[in-house]
């Protein structure tokens, strides 16, 4: 797979978001050597949140699409929560949820 064909994963986060390192670690673990271009983008204000379609920090985009989006979510520089397999909320998607999102994206 050449660089043009690599999956593009973008993590949108407010500066110093405590969940950014967590989601980046989980992405690395789930990729397990699979080719992907992973980028962290700091979103500093509402205008940037609107431009990037960030619905809380961190927001994950796979090839420009938020696999965890839900209807009615507005762009925001607030914290974002993700439901784990046990139903509890956390600040980053679980490894299993990330694995499923990556598989669905191709």
PDB file of N, CA and C in Angstrom:
ATOM      1  N   UNK A   1       0.853  -1.172   0.000  1.00  0.00           N
ATOM      2  CA  UNK A   1       0.000   0.000   0.000  1.00  0.00           C
ATOM      3  C   UNK A   1       0.900   1.236   0.000  1.00  0.00           C
ATOM      4  N   UNK A   2       0.677   2.125  -0.945  1.00  0.00           N
ATOM      5  CA  UNK A   2       1.507   3.325  -0.956  1.00  0.00           C
ATOM      6  C   UNK A   2       0.863   4.430  -0.134  1.00  0.00           C
ATOM      7  N   UNK A   3       1.584   5.505   0.079  1.00  0.00           N
ATOM      8  CA  UNK A   3       1.128   6.589   0.973  1.00  0.00           C
ATOM      9  C   UNK A   3      -0.207   7.186   0.526  1.00  0.00           C
ATOM     10  N   UNK A   4      -0.456   7.263  -0.790  1.00  0.00           N
ATOM     11  CA  UNK A   4      -1.720   7.831  -1.237  1.00  0.00           C
ATOM     12  C   UNK A   4      -2.900   6.968  -0.822  1.00  0.00           C
ATOM     13  N   UNK A   5      -2.668   5.655  -0.656  1.00  0.00           N
ATOM     14  CA  UNK A   5      -3.743   4.728  -0.312  1.00  0.00           C
ATOM     15  C   UNK A   5      -3.895   4.530   1.194  1.00  0.00           C
ATOM     16  N   UNK A   6      -2.990   5.084   1.996  1.00  0.00           N
ATOM     17  CA  UNK A   6      -3.062   4.911   3.444  1.00  0.00           C
ATOM     18  C   UNK A   6      -4.339   5.536   3.992  1.00  0.00           C
ATOM     19  N   UNK A   7      -4.884   4.887   4.989  1.00  0.00           N
ATOM     20  CA  UNK A   7      -6.024   5.448   5.710  1.00  0.00           C
ATOM     21  C   UNK A   7      -5.555   6.705   6.424  1.00  0.00           C
ATOM     22  N   UNK A   8      -6.395   7.723   6.437  1.00  0.00           N
ATOM     23  CA  UNK A   8      -6.063   8.980   7.115  1.00  0.00           C
ATOM     24  C   UNK A   8      -6.913   9.075   8.374  1.00  0.00           C
ATOM     25  N   UNK A   9      -6.249   9.160   9.510  1.00  0.00           N
ATOM     26  CA  UNK A   9      -6.928   9.265  10.805  1.00  0.00           C
ATOM     27  C   UNK A   9      -6.549  10.613  11.408  1.00  0.00           C
ATOM     28  N   UNK A  10      -7.558  11.414  11.686  1.00  0.00           N
ATOM     29  CA  UNK A  10      -7.344  12.729  12.271  1.00  0.00           C
ATOM     30  C   UNK A  10      -8.017  12.766  13.632  1.00  0.00           C
ATOM     31  N   UNK A  11      -7.259  13.169  14.638  1.00  0.00           N
ATOM     32  CA  UNK A  11      -7.804  13.367  15.976  1.00  0.00           C
ATOM     33  C   UNK A  11      -7.892  14.874  16.196  1.00  0.00           C
ATOM     34  N   UNK A  12      -9.116  15.353  16.365  1.00  0.00           N
ATOM     35  CA  UNK A  12      -9.363  16.767  16.631  1.00  0.00           C
ATOM     36  C   UNK A  12      -9.509  16.944  18.129  1.00  0.00           C
ATOM     37  N   UNK A  13      -8.757  17.868  18.708  1.00  0.00           N
ATOM     38  CA  UNK A  13      -8.797  18.041  20.155  1.00  0.00           C
ATOM     39  C   UNK A  13      -8.470  19.472  20.534  1.00  0.00           C
ATOM     40  N   UNK A  14      -9.022  19.882  21.670  1.00  0.00           N
ATOM     41  CA  UNK A  14      -8.641  21.177  22.215  1.00  0.00           C
ATOM     42  C   UNK A  14      -7.237  21.041  22.791  1.00  0.00           C
ATOM     43  N   UNK A  15      -6.487  22.148  22.894  1.00  0.00           N
ATOM     44  CA  UNK A  15      -5.146  22.073  23.473  1.00  0.00           C
ATOM     45  C   UNK A  15      -5.197  21.466  24.883  1.00  0.00           C
ATOM     46  N   UNK A  16      -4.245  20.615  25.170  1.00  0.00           N
ATOM     47  CA  UNK A  16      -4.081  19.968  26.477  1.00  0.00           C
ATOM     48  C   UNK A  16      -5.248  19.054  26.856  1.00  0.00           C
ATOM     49  N   UNK A  17      -5.997  18.570  25.879  1.00  0.00           N
ATOM     50  CA  UNK A  17      -7.076  17.623  26.173  1.00  0.00           C
ATOM     51  C   UNK A  17      -6.467  16.368  26.789  1.00  0.00           C
ATOM     52  N   UNK A  18      -6.909  15.960  27.986  1.00  0.00           N
ATOM     53  CA  UNK A  18      -6.318  14.793  28.633  1.00  0.00           C
ATOM     54  C   UNK A  18      -6.637  13.482  27.920  1.00  0.00           C
ATOM     55  N   UNK A  19      -7.624  13.484  27.040  1.00  0.00           N
ATOM     56  CA  UNK A  19      -7.997  12.252  26.344  1.00  0.00           C
ATOM     57  C   UNK A  19      -7.304  12.073  25.000  1.00  0.00           C
ATOM     58  N   UNK A  20      -6.618  13.106  24.503  1.00  0.00           N
ATOM     59  CA  UNK A  20      -5.883  12.986  23.236  1.00  0.00           C
ATOM     60  C   UNK A  20      -4.821  11.895  23.294  1.00  0.00           C
ATOM     61  N   UNK A  21      -3.959  11.876  24.316  1.00  0.00           N
ATOM     62  CA  UNK A  21      -2.958  10.808  24.366  1.00  0.00           C
ATOM     63  C   UNK A  21      -3.594   9.425  24.478  1.00  0.00           C
ATOM     64  N   UNK A  22      -4.724   9.335  25.170  1.00  0.00           N
ATOM     65  CA  UNK A  22      -5.405   8.041  25.331  1.00  0.00           C
ATOM     66  C   UNK A  22      -5.880   7.529  23.977  1.00  0.00           C
ATOM     67  N   UNK A  23      -6.568   8.378  23.216  1.00  0.00           N
ATOM     68  CA  UNK A  23      -7.081   7.939  21.917  1.00  0.00           C
ATOM     69  C   UNK A  23      -5.937   7.635  20.957  1.00  0.00           C
ATOM     70  N   UNK A  24      -4.860   8.412  21.004  1.00  0.00           N
ATOM     71  CA  UNK A  24      -3.713   8.147  20.131  1.00  0.00           C
ATOM     72  C   UNK A  24      -3.057   6.812  20.480  1.00  0.00           C
ATOM     73  N   UNK A  25      -2.920   6.496  21.767  1.00  0.00           N
ATOM     74  CA  UNK A  25      -2.367   5.199  22.187  1.00  0.00           C
ATOM     75  C   UNK A  25      -3.247   4.057  21.704  1.00  0.00           C
ATOM     76  N   UNK A  26      -4.549   4.220  21.849  1.00  0.00           N
ATOM     77  CA  UNK A  26      -5.485   3.161  21.426  1.00  0.00           C
ATOM     78  C   UNK A  26      -5.461   2.982  19.914  1.00  0.00           C
ATOM     79  N   UNK A  27      -5.365   4.072  19.173  1.00  0.00           N
ATOM     80  CA  UNK A  27      -5.270   3.974  17.712  1.00  0.00           C
ATOM     81  C   UNK A  27      -4.018   3.198  17.328  1.00  0.00           C
ATOM     82  N   UNK A  28      -2.886   3.538  17.952  1.00  0.00           N
ATOM     83  CA  UNK A  28      -1.630   2.847  17.662  1.00  0.00           C
ATOM     84  C   UNK A  28      -1.753   1.358  17.962  1.00  0.00           C
ATOM     85  N   UNK A  29      -2.363   1.022  19.089  1.00  0.00           N
ATOM     86  CA  UNK A  29      -2.528  -0.384  19.470  1.00  0.00           C
ATOM     87  C   UNK A  29      -3.404  -1.126  18.466  1.00  0.00           C
ATOM     88  N   UNK A  30      -4.488  -0.498  18.049  1.00  0.00           N
ATOM     89  CA  UNK A  30      -5.425  -1.147  17.134  1.00  0.00           C
ATOM     90  C   UNK A  30      -4.833  -1.275  15.730  1.00  0.00           C
ATOM     91  N   UNK A  31      -4.083  -0.275  15.294  1.00  0.00           N
ATOM     92  CA  UNK A  31      -3.466  -0.348  13.967  1.00  0.00           C
ATOM     93  C   UNK A  31      -2.461  -1.487  13.887  1.00  0.00           C
ATOM     94  N   UNK A  32      -1.719  -1.720  14.961  1.00  0.00           N
ATOM     95  CA  UNK A  32      -0.749  -2.825  15.033  1.00  0.00           C
ATOM     96  C   UNK A  32       0.097  -2.938  13.765  1.00  0.00           C
ATOM     97  N   UNK A  33       0.636  -1.812  13.323  1.00  0.00           N
ATOM     98  CA  UNK A  33       1.516  -1.820  12.167  1.00  0.00           C
ATOM     99  C   UNK A  33       0.831  -1.575  10.837  1.00  0.00           C
ATOM    100  N   UNK A  34      -0.491  -1.532  10.815  1.00  0.00           N
ATOM    101  CA  UNK A  34      -1.226  -1.243   9.579  1.00  0.00           C
ATOM    102  C   UNK A  34      -0.892   0.179   9.123  1.00  0.00           C
ATOM    103  N   UNK A  35      -0.746   0.366   7.820  1.00  0.00           N
ATOM    104  CA  UNK A  35      -0.390   1.679   7.284  1.00  0.00           C
ATOM    105  C   UNK A  35      -1.530   2.666   7.480  1.00  0.00           C
ATOM    106  N   UNK A  36      -1.224   3.796   8.085  1.00  0.00           N
ATOM    107  CA  UNK A  36      -2.196   4.866   8.271  1.00  0.00           C
ATOM    108  C   UNK A  36      -1.442   6.155   8.541  1.00  0.00           C
ATOM    109  N   UNK A  37      -2.028   7.231   8.116  1.00  0.00           N
ATOM    110  CA  UNK A  37      -1.491   8.558   8.385  1.00  0.00           C
ATOM    111  C   UNK A  37      -2.302   9.117   9.549  1.00  0.00           C
ATOM    112  N   UNK A  38      -1.687   9.211  10.735  1.00  0.00           N
ATOM    113  CA  UNK A  38      -2.382   9.671  11.940  1.00  0.00           C
ATOM    114  C   UNK A  38      -1.898  11.080  12.275  1.00  0.00           C
ATOM    115  N   UNK A  39      -2.859  11.977  12.481  1.00  0.00           N
ATOM    116  CA  UNK A  39      -2.531  13.373  12.740  1.00  0.00           C
ATOM    117  C   UNK A  39      -3.376  13.896  13.899  1.00  0.00           C
ATOM    118  N   UNK A  40      -2.762  14.657  14.785  1.00  0.00           N
ATOM    119  CA  UNK A  40      -3.463  15.359  15.850  1.00  0.00           C
ATOM    120  C   UNK A  40      -3.596  16.817  15.436  1.00  0.00           C
ATOM    121  N   UNK A  41      -4.827  17.322  15.427  1.00  0.00           N
ATOM    122  CA  UNK A  41      -5.088  18.716  15.073  1.00  0.00           C
ATOM    123  C   UNK A  41      -5.676  19.407  16.295  1.00  0.00           C
ATOM    124  N   UNK A  42      -5.022  20.469  16.749  1.00  0.00           N
ATOM    125  CA  UNK A  42      -5.550  21.246  17.875  1.00  0.00           C
ATOM    126  C   UNK A  42      -6.574  22.249  17.359  1.00  0.00           C
ATOM    127  N   UNK A  43      -7.756  22.195  17.950  1.00  0.00           N
ATOM    128  CA  UNK A  43      -8.853  23.086  17.588  1.00  0.00           C
ATOM    129  C   UNK A  43      -9.006  24.070  18.739  1.00  0.00           C
ATOM    130  N   UNK A  44      -8.787  25.345  18.472  1.00  0.00           N
ATOM    131  CA  UNK A  44      -8.691  26.347  19.528  1.00  0.00           C
ATOM    132  C   UNK A  44      -9.953  27.170  19.769  1.00  0.00           C
ATOM    133  N   UNK A  45     -10.880  27.190  18.812  1.00  0.00           N
ATOM    134  CA  UNK A  45     -12.076  28.012  19.027  1.00  0.00           C
ATOM    135  C   UNK A  45     -13.271  27.438  18.270  1.00  0.00           C
ATOM    136  N   UNK A  46     -14.437  28.044  18.504  1.00  0.00           N
ATOM    137  CA  UNK A  46     -15.687  27.553  17.899  1.00  0.00           C
ATOM    138  C   UNK A  46     -15.635  27.585  16.378  1.00  0.00           C
ATOM    139  N   UNK A  47     -15.011  28.630  15.799  1.00  0.00           N
ATOM    140  CA  UNK A  47     -14.933  28.729  14.339  1.00  0.00           C
ATOM    141  C   UNK A  47     -14.173  27.535  13.754  1.00  0.00           C
ATOM    142  N   UNK A  48     -13.066  27.158  14.400  1.00  0.00           N
ATOM    143  CA  UNK A  48     -12.313  25.983  13.937  1.00  0.00           C
ATOM    144  C   UNK A  48     -13.123  24.706  14.153  1.00  0.00           C
ATOM    145  N   UNK A  49     -13.854  24.625  15.264  1.00  0.00           N
ATOM    146  CA  UNK A  49     -14.703  23.456  15.523  1.00  0.00           C
ATOM    147  C   UNK A  49     -15.738  23.302  14.421  1.00  0.00           C
ATOM    148  N   UNK A  50     -16.329  24.410  13.993  1.00  0.00           N
ATOM    149  CA  UNK A  50     -17.314  24.373  12.907  1.00  0.00           C
ATOM    150  C   UNK A  50     -16.644  23.928  11.609  1.00  0.00           C
ATOM    151  N   UNK A  51     -15.491  24.513  11.309  1.00  0.00           N
ATOM    152  CA  UNK A  51     -14.786  24.183  10.060  1.00  0.00           C
ATOM    153  C   UNK A  51     -14.423  22.704   9.995  1.00  0.00           C
ATOM    154  N   UNK A  52     -13.943  22.150  11.120  1.00  0.00           N
ATOM    155  CA  UNK A  52     -13.529  20.741  11.166  1.00  0.00           C
ATOM    156  C   UNK A  52     -14.687  19.785  11.469  1.00  0.00           C
ATOM    157  N   UNK A  53     -15.853  20.323  11.862  1.00  0.00           N
ATOM    158  CA  UNK A  53     -16.998  19.510  12.296  1.00  0.00           C
ATOM    159  C   UNK A  53     -16.644  18.692  13.541  1.00  0.00           C
ATOM    160  N   UNK A  54     -15.927  19.336  14.472  1.00  0.00           N
ATOM    161  CA  UNK A  54     -15.558  18.696  15.731  1.00  0.00           C
ATOM    162  C   UNK A  54     -16.723  18.812  16.705  1.00  0.00           C
ATOM    163  N   UNK A  55     -17.213  17.683  17.183  1.00  0.00           N
ATOM    164  CA  UNK A  55     -18.349  17.673  18.110  1.00  0.00           C
ATOM    165  C   UNK A  55     -17.889  17.285  19.510  1.00  0.00           C
ATOM    166  N   UNK A  56     -16.852  17.928  19.969  1.00  0.00           N
ATOM    167  CA  UNK A  56     -16.269  17.664  21.282  1.00  0.00           C
ATOM    168  C   UNK A  56     -14.880  17.090  21.138  1.00  0.00           C
ATOM    169  N   UNK A  57     -14.117  17.217  22.197  1.00  0.00           N
ATOM    170  CA  UNK A  57     -12.713  16.809  22.194  1.00  0.00           C
ATOM    171  C   UNK A  57     -12.518  15.552  23.033  1.00  0.00           C
ATOM    172  N   UNK A  58     -11.897  14.538  22.434  1.00  0.00           N
ATOM    173  CA  UNK A  58     -11.400  14.422  21.067  1.00  0.00           C
ATOM    174  C   UNK A  58     -12.476  13.883  20.118  1.00  0.00           C
ATOM    175  N   UNK A  59     -12.431  14.358  18.880  1.00  0.00           N
ATOM    176  CA  UNK A  59     -13.250  13.822  17.796  1.00  0.00           C
ATOM    177  C   UNK A  59     -12.305  13.096  16.857  1.00  0.00           C
ATOM    178  N   UNK A  60     -12.690  11.914  16.452  1.00  0.00           N
ATOM    179  CA  UNK A  60     -11.880  11.085  15.563  1.00  0.00           C
ATOM    180  C   UNK A  60     -12.499  11.094  14.174  1.00  0.00           C
ATOM    181  N   UNK A  61     -11.678  11.364  13.166  1.00  0.00           N
ATOM    182  CA  UNK A  61     -12.121  11.290  11.775  1.00  0.00           C
ATOM    183  C   UNK A  61     -11.306  10.220  11.070  1.00  0.00           C
ATOM    184  N   UNK A  62     -11.979   9.330  10.375  1.00  0.00           N
ATOM    185  CA  UNK A  62     -11.311   8.324   9.548  1.00  0.00           C
ATOM    186  C   UNK A  62     -11.637   8.676   8.109  1.00  0.00           C
ATOM    187  N   UNK A  63     -10.603   9.048   7.367  1.00  0.00           N
ATOM    188  CA  UNK A  63     -10.782   9.531   5.995  1.00  0.00           C
ATOM    189  C   UNK A  63     -11.849  10.618   5.939  1.00  0.00           C
ATOM    190  N   UNK A  64     -11.830  11.513   6.936  1.00  0.00           N
ATOM    191  CA  UNK A  64     -12.720  12.670   6.962  1.00  0.00           C
ATOM    192  C   UNK A  64     -14.097  12.426   7.552  1.00  0.00           C
ATOM    193  N   UNK A  65     -14.385  11.201   7.982  1.00  0.00           N
ATOM    194  CA  UNK A  65     -15.705  10.849   8.504  1.00  0.00           C
ATOM    195  C   UNK A  65     -15.599  10.489   9.987  1.00  0.00           C
ATOM    196  N   UNK A  66     -16.534  11.009  10.782  1.00  0.00           N
ATOM    197  CA  UNK A  66     -16.601  10.698  12.211  1.00  0.00           C
ATOM    198  C   UNK A  66     -17.428   9.426  12.397  1.00  0.00           C
ATOM    199  N   UNK A  67     -16.782   8.288  12.669  1.00  0.00           N
ATOM    200  CA  UNK A  67     -17.529   7.037  12.793  1.00  0.00           C
ATOM    201  C   UNK A  67     -18.367   6.960  14.070  1.00  0.00           C
ATOM    202  N   UNK A  68     -18.175   7.882  14.978  1.00  0.00           N
ATOM    203  CA  UNK A  68     -18.901   7.890  16.249  1.00  0.00           C
ATOM    204  C   UNK A  68     -19.913   9.035  16.311  1.00  0.00           C
ATOM    205  N   UNK A  69     -20.204   9.646  15.169  1.00  0.00           N
ATOM    206  CA  UNK A  69     -21.136  10.781  15.125  1.00  0.00           C
ATOM    207  C   UNK A  69     -22.538  10.324  15.518  1.00  0.00           C
ATOM    208  N   UNK A  70     -23.285  11.256  16.069  1.00  0.00           N
ATOM    209  CA  UNK A  70     -24.679  10.986  16.395  1.00  0.00           C
ATOM    210  C   UNK A  70     -25.504  12.174  15.925  1.00  0.00           C
ATOM    211  N   UNK A  71     -26.738  11.913  15.577  1.00  0.00           N
ATOM    212  CA  UNK A  71     -27.616  12.950  15.054  1.00  0.00           C
ATOM    213  C   UNK A  71     -27.811  14.094  16.035  1.00  0.00           C
ATOM    214  N   UNK A  72     -27.802  15.292  15.522  1.00  0.00           N
ATOM    215  CA  UNK A  72     -28.051  16.468  16.332  1.00  0.00           C
ATOM    216  C   UNK A  72     -26.834  17.036  17.038  1.00  0.00           C
ATOM    217  N   UNK A  73     -25.683  16.379  16.925  1.00  0.00           N
ATOM    218  CA  UNK A  73     -24.475  16.883  17.578  1.00  0.00           C
ATOM    219  C   UNK A  73     -24.008  18.155  16.875  1.00  0.00           C
ATOM    220  N   UNK A  74     -23.758  19.178  17.652  1.00  0.00           N
ATOM    221  CA  UNK A  74     -23.311  20.460  17.123  1.00  0.00           C
ATOM    222  C   UNK A  74     -21.798  20.588  17.298  1.00  0.00           C
ATOM    223  N   UNK A  75     -21.125  21.305  16.389  1.00  0.00           N
ATOM    224  CA  UNK A  75     -19.700  21.567  16.581  1.00  0.00           C
ATOM    225  C   UNK A  75     -19.467  22.250  17.928  1.00  0.00           C
ATOM    226  N   UNK A  76     -18.396  21.833  18.602  1.00  0.00           N
ATOM    227  CA  UNK A  76     -18.153  22.328  19.951  1.00  0.00           C
ATOM    228  C   UNK A  76     -16.700  22.133  20.354  1.00  0.00           C
ATOM    229  N   UNK A  77     -16.211  23.022  21.223  1.00  0.00           N
ATOM    230  CA  UNK A  77     -14.875  22.868  21.801  1.00  0.00           C
ATOM    231  C   UNK A  77     -14.970  22.270  23.212  1.00  0.00           C
ATOM    232  N   UNK A  78     -16.058  21.627  23.522  1.00  0.00           N
ATOM    233  CA  UNK A  78     -16.265  20.986  24.820  1.00  0.00           C
ATOM    234  C   UNK A  78     -15.636  19.591  24.843  1.00  0.00           C
ATOM    235  N   UNK A  79     -15.713  18.941  25.985  1.00  0.00           N
ATOM    236  CA  UNK A  79     -15.266  17.549  26.095  1.00  0.00           C
ATOM    237  C   UNK A  79     -16.290  16.645  25.426  1.00  0.00           C
ATOM    238  N   UNK A  80     -15.832  15.510  24.939  1.00  0.00           N
ATOM    239  CA  UNK A  80     -16.710  14.530  24.303  1.00  0.00           C
ATOM    240  C   UNK A  80     -16.603  13.223  25.058  1.00  0.00           C
ATOM    241  N   UNK A  81     -17.725  12.540  25.203  1.00  0.00           N
ATOM    242  CA  UNK A  81     -17.743  11.246  25.871  1.00  0.00           C
ATOM    243  C   UNK A  81     -18.130  10.152  24.885  1.00  0.00           C
ATOM    244  N   UNK A  82     -17.596   8.973  25.116  1.00  0.00           N
ATOM    245  CA  UNK A  82     -17.871   7.795  24.297  1.00  0.00           C
ATOM    246  C   UNK A  82     -18.373   6.689  25.219  1.00  0.00           C
ATOM    247  N   UNK A  83     -19.390   5.953  24.787  1.00  0.00           N
ATOM    248  CA  UNK A  83     -19.907   4.819  25.558  1.00  0.00           C
ATOM    249  C   UNK A  83     -19.052   3.602  25.272  1.00  0.00           C
ATOM    250  N   UNK A  84     -18.620   2.937  26.340  1.00  0.00           N
ATOM    251  CA  UNK A  84     -17.856   1.712  26.202  1.00  0.00           C
ATOM    252  C   UNK A  84     -18.770   0.515  26.057  1.00  0.00           C
ATOM    253  N   UNK A  85     -18.203  -0.667  25.836  1.00  0.00           N
ATOM    254  CA  UNK A  85     -19.012  -1.868  25.667  1.00  0.00           C
ATOM    255  C   UNK A  85     -19.856  -2.193  26.901  1.00  0.00           C
ATOM    256  N   UNK A  86     -19.422  -1.727  28.055  1.00  0.00           N
ATOM    257  CA  UNK A  86     -20.167  -1.964  29.296  1.00  0.00           C
ATOM    258  C   UNK A  86     -21.205  -0.871  29.561  1.00  0.00           C
ATOM    259  N   UNK A  87     -21.327   0.103  28.633  1.00  0.00           N
ATOM    260  CA  UNK A  87     -22.298   1.175  28.776  1.00  0.00           C
ATOM    261  C   UNK A  87     -21.789   2.385  29.531  1.00  0.00           C
ATOM    262  N   UNK A  88     -20.613   2.266  30.139  1.00  0.00           N
ATOM    263  CA  UNK A  88     -20.054   3.405  30.885  1.00  0.00           C
ATOM    264  C   UNK A  88     -19.424   4.401  29.919  1.00  0.00           C
ATOM    265  N   UNK A  89     -19.470   5.669  30.294  1.00  0.00           N
ATOM    266  CA  UNK A  89     -18.912   6.735  29.469  1.00  0.00           C
ATOM    267  C   UNK A  89     -17.435   6.938  29.775  1.00  0.00           C
ATOM    268  N   UNK A  90     -16.659   7.208  28.730  1.00  0.00           N
ATOM    269  CA  UNK A  90     -15.239   7.509  28.876  1.00  0.00           C
ATOM    270  C   UNK A  90     -14.849   8.597  27.897  1.00  0.00           C
ATOM    271  N   UNK A  91     -13.660   9.110  28.055  1.00  0.00           N
ATOM    272  CA  UNK A  91     -13.201  10.225  27.243  1.00  0.00           C
ATOM    273  C   UNK A  91     -12.605   9.851  25.900  1.00  0.00           C
ATOM    274  N   UNK A  92     -12.557   8.544  25.587  1.00  0.00           N
ATOM    275  CA  UNK A  92     -12.017   8.085  24.305  1.00  0.00           C
ATOM    276  C   UNK A  92     -12.713   6.775  23.942  1.00  0.00           C
ATOM    277  N   UNK A  93     -12.833   6.479  22.648  1.00  0.00           N
ATOM    278  CA  UNK A  93     -13.435   5.205  22.265  1.00  0.00           C
ATOM    279  C   UNK A  93     -12.572   4.034  22.751  1.00  0.00           C
ATOM    280  N   UNK A  94     -13.214   2.933  23.059  1.00  0.00           N
ATOM    281  CA  UNK A  94     -12.480   1.731  23.469  1.00  0.00           C
ATOM    282  C   UNK A  94     -11.692   1.180  22.278  1.00  0.00           C
ATOM    283  N   UNK A  95     -10.717   0.323  22.564  1.00  0.00           N
ATOM    284  CA  UNK A  95      -9.966  -0.298  21.474  1.00  0.00           C
ATOM    285  C   UNK A  95     -10.896  -1.099  20.578  1.00  0.00           C
ATOM    286  N   UNK A  96     -11.862  -1.791  21.157  1.00  0.00           N
ATOM    287  CA  UNK A  96     -12.792  -2.587  20.351  1.00  0.00           C
ATOM    288  C   UNK A  96     -13.625  -1.687  19.438  1.00  0.00           C
ATOM    289  N   UNK A  97     -14.109  -0.565  19.957  1.00  0.00           N
ATOM    290  CA  UNK A  97     -14.885   0.364  19.139  1.00  0.00           C
ATOM    291  C   UNK A  97     -14.017   0.935  18.014  1.00  0.00           C
ATOM    292  N   UNK A  98     -12.762   1.252  18.315  1.00  0.00           N
ATOM    293  CA  UNK A  98     -11.847   1.743  17.285  1.00  0.00           C
ATOM    294  C   UNK A  98     -11.585   0.668  16.233  1.00  0.00           C
ATOM    295  N   UNK A  99     -11.382  -0.564  16.666  1.00  0.00           N
ATOM    296  CA  UNK A  99     -11.143  -1.675  15.745  1.00  0.00           C
ATOM    297  C   UNK A  99     -12.326  -1.811  14.780  1.00  0.00           C
ATOM    298  N   UNK A 100     -13.543  -1.767  15.322  1.00  0.00           N
ATOM    299  CA  UNK A 100     -14.728  -1.882  14.477  1.00  0.00           C
ATOM    300  C   UNK A 100     -14.837  -0.715  13.501  1.00  0.00           C
ATOM    301  N   UNK A 101     -14.533   0.494  13.957  1.00  0.00           N
ATOM    302  CA  UNK A 101     -14.597   1.669  13.087  1.00  0.00           C
ATOM    303  C   UNK A 101     -13.576   1.580  11.962  1.00  0.00           C
ATOM    304  N   UNK A 102     -12.367   1.119  12.285  1.00  0.00           N
ATOM    305  CA  UNK A 102     -11.322   0.982  11.261  1.00  0.00           C
ATOM    306  C   UNK A 102     -11.689  -0.091  10.247  1.00  0.00           C
ATOM    307  N   UNK A 103     -12.243  -1.207  10.723  1.00  0.00           N
ATOM    308  CA  UNK A 103     -12.648  -2.283   9.815  1.00  0.00           C
ATOM    309  C   UNK A 103     -13.769  -1.798   8.898  1.00  0.00           C
ATOM    310  N   UNK A 104     -14.729  -1.061   9.435  1.00  0.00           N
ATOM    311  CA  UNK A 104     -15.849  -0.559   8.630  1.00  0.00           C
ATOM    312  C   UNK A 104     -15.372   0.438   7.580  1.00  0.00           C
ATOM    313  N   UNK A 105     -14.326   1.195   7.923  1.00  0.00           N
ATOM    314  CA  UNK A 105     -13.795   2.199   6.995  1.00  0.00           C
ATOM    315  C   UNK A 105     -12.968   1.572   5.866  1.00  0.00           C
ATOM    316  N   UNK A 106     -12.561   0.326   6.080  1.00  0.00           N
ATOM    317  CA  UNK A 106     -11.820  -0.350   5.013  1.00  0.00           C
ATOM    318  C   UNK A 106     -10.392  -0.454   5.322  1.00  0.00           C
TER     319      UNK A 106
END
